[in-house]
């Protein structure tokens, strides 16, 4: 990912991990110096960011509501 910078502003939670050391985390991340966003991503044992999902605050709130509806059924 040449030219792309990221800074983890706040580590919120590890939501999954594997025996190989890979972890799926929920963090607040600033990409390229932009305003921090909610980020759900797998991280390699060496700290490399792998595939993930980045959400604005509004998108994260919508996801929260949708998950709440799903699990309240």
C-alpha atoms as a PDB file:
ATOM      1  CA  UNK A   1       0.000   0.000   0.000  1.00  0.00           C
ATOM      2  CA  UNK A   2       2.502   2.604  -1.160  1.00  0.00           C
ATOM      3  CA  UNK A   3       1.592   6.171  -0.323  1.00  0.00           C
ATOM      4  CA  UNK A   4      -1.089   5.205   2.170  1.00  0.00           C
ATOM      5  CA  UNK A   5      -0.571   6.104   5.807  1.00  0.00           C
ATOM      6  CA  UNK A   6      -2.575   5.044   8.810  1.00  0.00           C
ATOM      7  CA  UNK A   7      -2.599   5.785  12.507  1.00  0.00           C
ATOM      8  CA  UNK A   8      -4.546   3.794  15.054  1.00  0.00           C
ATOM      9  CA  UNK A   9      -6.073   6.498  17.237  1.00  0.00           C
ATOM     10  CA  UNK A  10      -7.798   4.120  19.650  1.00  0.00           C
ATOM     11  CA  UNK A  11      -7.784   0.346  19.954  1.00  0.00           C
ATOM     12  CA  UNK A  12     -11.350  -0.603  20.861  1.00  0.00           C
ATOM     13  CA  UNK A  13     -11.504  -4.414  20.842  1.00  0.00           C
ATOM     14  CA  UNK A  14     -10.111  -7.635  19.449  1.00  0.00           C
ATOM     15  CA  UNK A  15     -13.161  -9.379  18.003  1.00  0.00           C
ATOM     16  CA  UNK A  16     -11.431 -12.497  16.713  1.00  0.00           C
ATOM     17  CA  UNK A  17      -8.065 -14.165  16.575  1.00  0.00           C
ATOM     18  CA  UNK A  18      -6.429 -17.248  15.148  1.00  0.00           C
ATOM     19  CA  UNK A  19      -3.764 -19.718  16.207  1.00  0.00           C
ATOM     20  CA  UNK A  20      -1.487 -18.180  13.571  1.00  0.00           C
ATOM     21  CA  UNK A  21      -1.497 -14.785  15.291  1.00  0.00           C
ATOM     22  CA  UNK A  22      -3.846 -12.939  12.949  1.00  0.00           C
ATOM     23  CA  UNK A  23      -6.353 -10.736  14.774  1.00  0.00           C
ATOM     24  CA  UNK A  24      -9.588  -9.104  13.715  1.00  0.00           C
ATOM     25  CA  UNK A  25      -9.845  -5.772  15.509  1.00  0.00           C
ATOM     26  CA  UNK A  26     -12.266  -2.910  15.955  1.00  0.00           C
ATOM     27  CA  UNK A  27     -10.305   0.348  16.050  1.00  0.00           C
ATOM     28  CA  UNK A  28     -10.588   4.062  15.455  1.00  0.00           C
ATOM     29  CA  UNK A  29      -8.173   4.734  12.571  1.00  0.00           C
ATOM     30  CA  UNK A  30      -7.031   7.797  10.643  1.00  0.00           C
ATOM     31  CA  UNK A  31      -6.113   6.985   7.047  1.00  0.00           C
ATOM     32  CA  UNK A  32      -3.863   9.484   5.234  1.00  0.00           C
ATOM     33  CA  UNK A  33      -4.293  12.023   8.026  1.00  0.00           C
ATOM     34  CA  UNK A  34      -8.066  12.227   7.533  1.00  0.00           C
ATOM     35  CA  UNK A  35     -10.631  12.305  10.322  1.00  0.00           C
ATOM     36  CA  UNK A  36     -10.616   8.976  12.200  1.00  0.00           C
ATOM     37  CA  UNK A  37     -13.180   6.349  11.235  1.00  0.00           C
ATOM     38  CA  UNK A  38     -14.406   3.077  12.710  1.00  0.00           C
ATOM     39  CA  UNK A  39     -12.299   0.306  11.229  1.00  0.00           C
ATOM     40  CA  UNK A  40     -12.881  -3.469  11.340  1.00  0.00           C
ATOM     41  CA  UNK A  41      -9.833  -5.196   9.924  1.00  0.00           C
ATOM     42  CA  UNK A  42      -7.602  -8.248  10.128  1.00  0.00           C
ATOM     43  CA  UNK A  43      -4.044  -7.549  11.255  1.00  0.00           C
ATOM     44  CA  UNK A  44      -1.082  -9.807  10.559  1.00  0.00           C
ATOM     45  CA  UNK A  45       1.266 -10.789  13.395  1.00  0.00           C
ATOM     46  CA  UNK A  46       3.857  -8.337  11.978  1.00  0.00           C
ATOM     47  CA  UNK A  47       1.360  -5.440  12.294  1.00  0.00           C
ATOM     48  CA  UNK A  48       0.451  -5.255   8.594  1.00  0.00           C
ATOM     49  CA  UNK A  49      -3.113  -4.139   7.857  1.00  0.00           C
ATOM     50  CA  UNK A  50      -5.018  -6.682   5.764  1.00  0.00           C
ATOM     51  CA  UNK A  51      -8.491  -6.554   4.251  1.00  0.00           C
ATOM     52  CA  UNK A  52     -11.069  -4.698   6.257  1.00  0.00           C
ATOM     53  CA  UNK A  53     -13.996  -2.341   6.408  1.00  0.00           C
ATOM     54  CA  UNK A  54     -13.900   1.352   7.284  1.00  0.00           C
ATOM     55  CA  UNK A  55     -17.077   3.112   8.396  1.00  0.00           C
ATOM     56  CA  UNK A  56     -18.044   6.717   9.016  1.00  0.00           C
ATOM     57  CA  UNK A  57     -19.768   7.461  12.314  1.00  0.00           C
ATOM     58  CA  UNK A  58     -23.143   7.498  10.543  1.00  0.00           C
ATOM     59  CA  UNK A  59     -22.477   4.148   8.854  1.00  0.00           C
ATOM     60  CA  UNK A  60     -21.325   2.634  12.163  1.00  0.00           C
ATOM     61  CA  UNK A  61     -24.522   3.809  13.871  1.00  0.00           C
ATOM     62  CA  UNK A  62     -26.625   2.296  11.072  1.00  0.00           C
ATOM     63  CA  UNK A  63     -24.724  -0.999  11.408  1.00  0.00           C
ATOM     64  CA  UNK A  64     -25.251  -0.926  15.187  1.00  0.00           C
ATOM     65  CA  UNK A  65     -29.011  -0.493  14.694  1.00  0.00           C
ATOM     66  CA  UNK A  66     -29.176  -3.242  12.069  1.00  0.00           C
ATOM     67  CA  UNK A  67     -27.273  -5.689  14.292  1.00  0.00           C
ATOM     68  CA  UNK A  68     -29.512  -4.792  17.205  1.00  0.00           C
ATOM     69  CA  UNK A  69     -32.565  -5.585  15.067  1.00  0.00           C
ATOM     70  CA  UNK A  70     -31.028  -8.855  13.898  1.00  0.00           C
ATOM     71  CA  UNK A  71     -30.240 -10.117  17.386  1.00  0.00           C
ATOM     72  CA  UNK A  72     -33.525  -8.915  18.913  1.00  0.00           C
ATOM     73  CA  UNK A  73     -35.508 -11.128  16.513  1.00  0.00           C
END
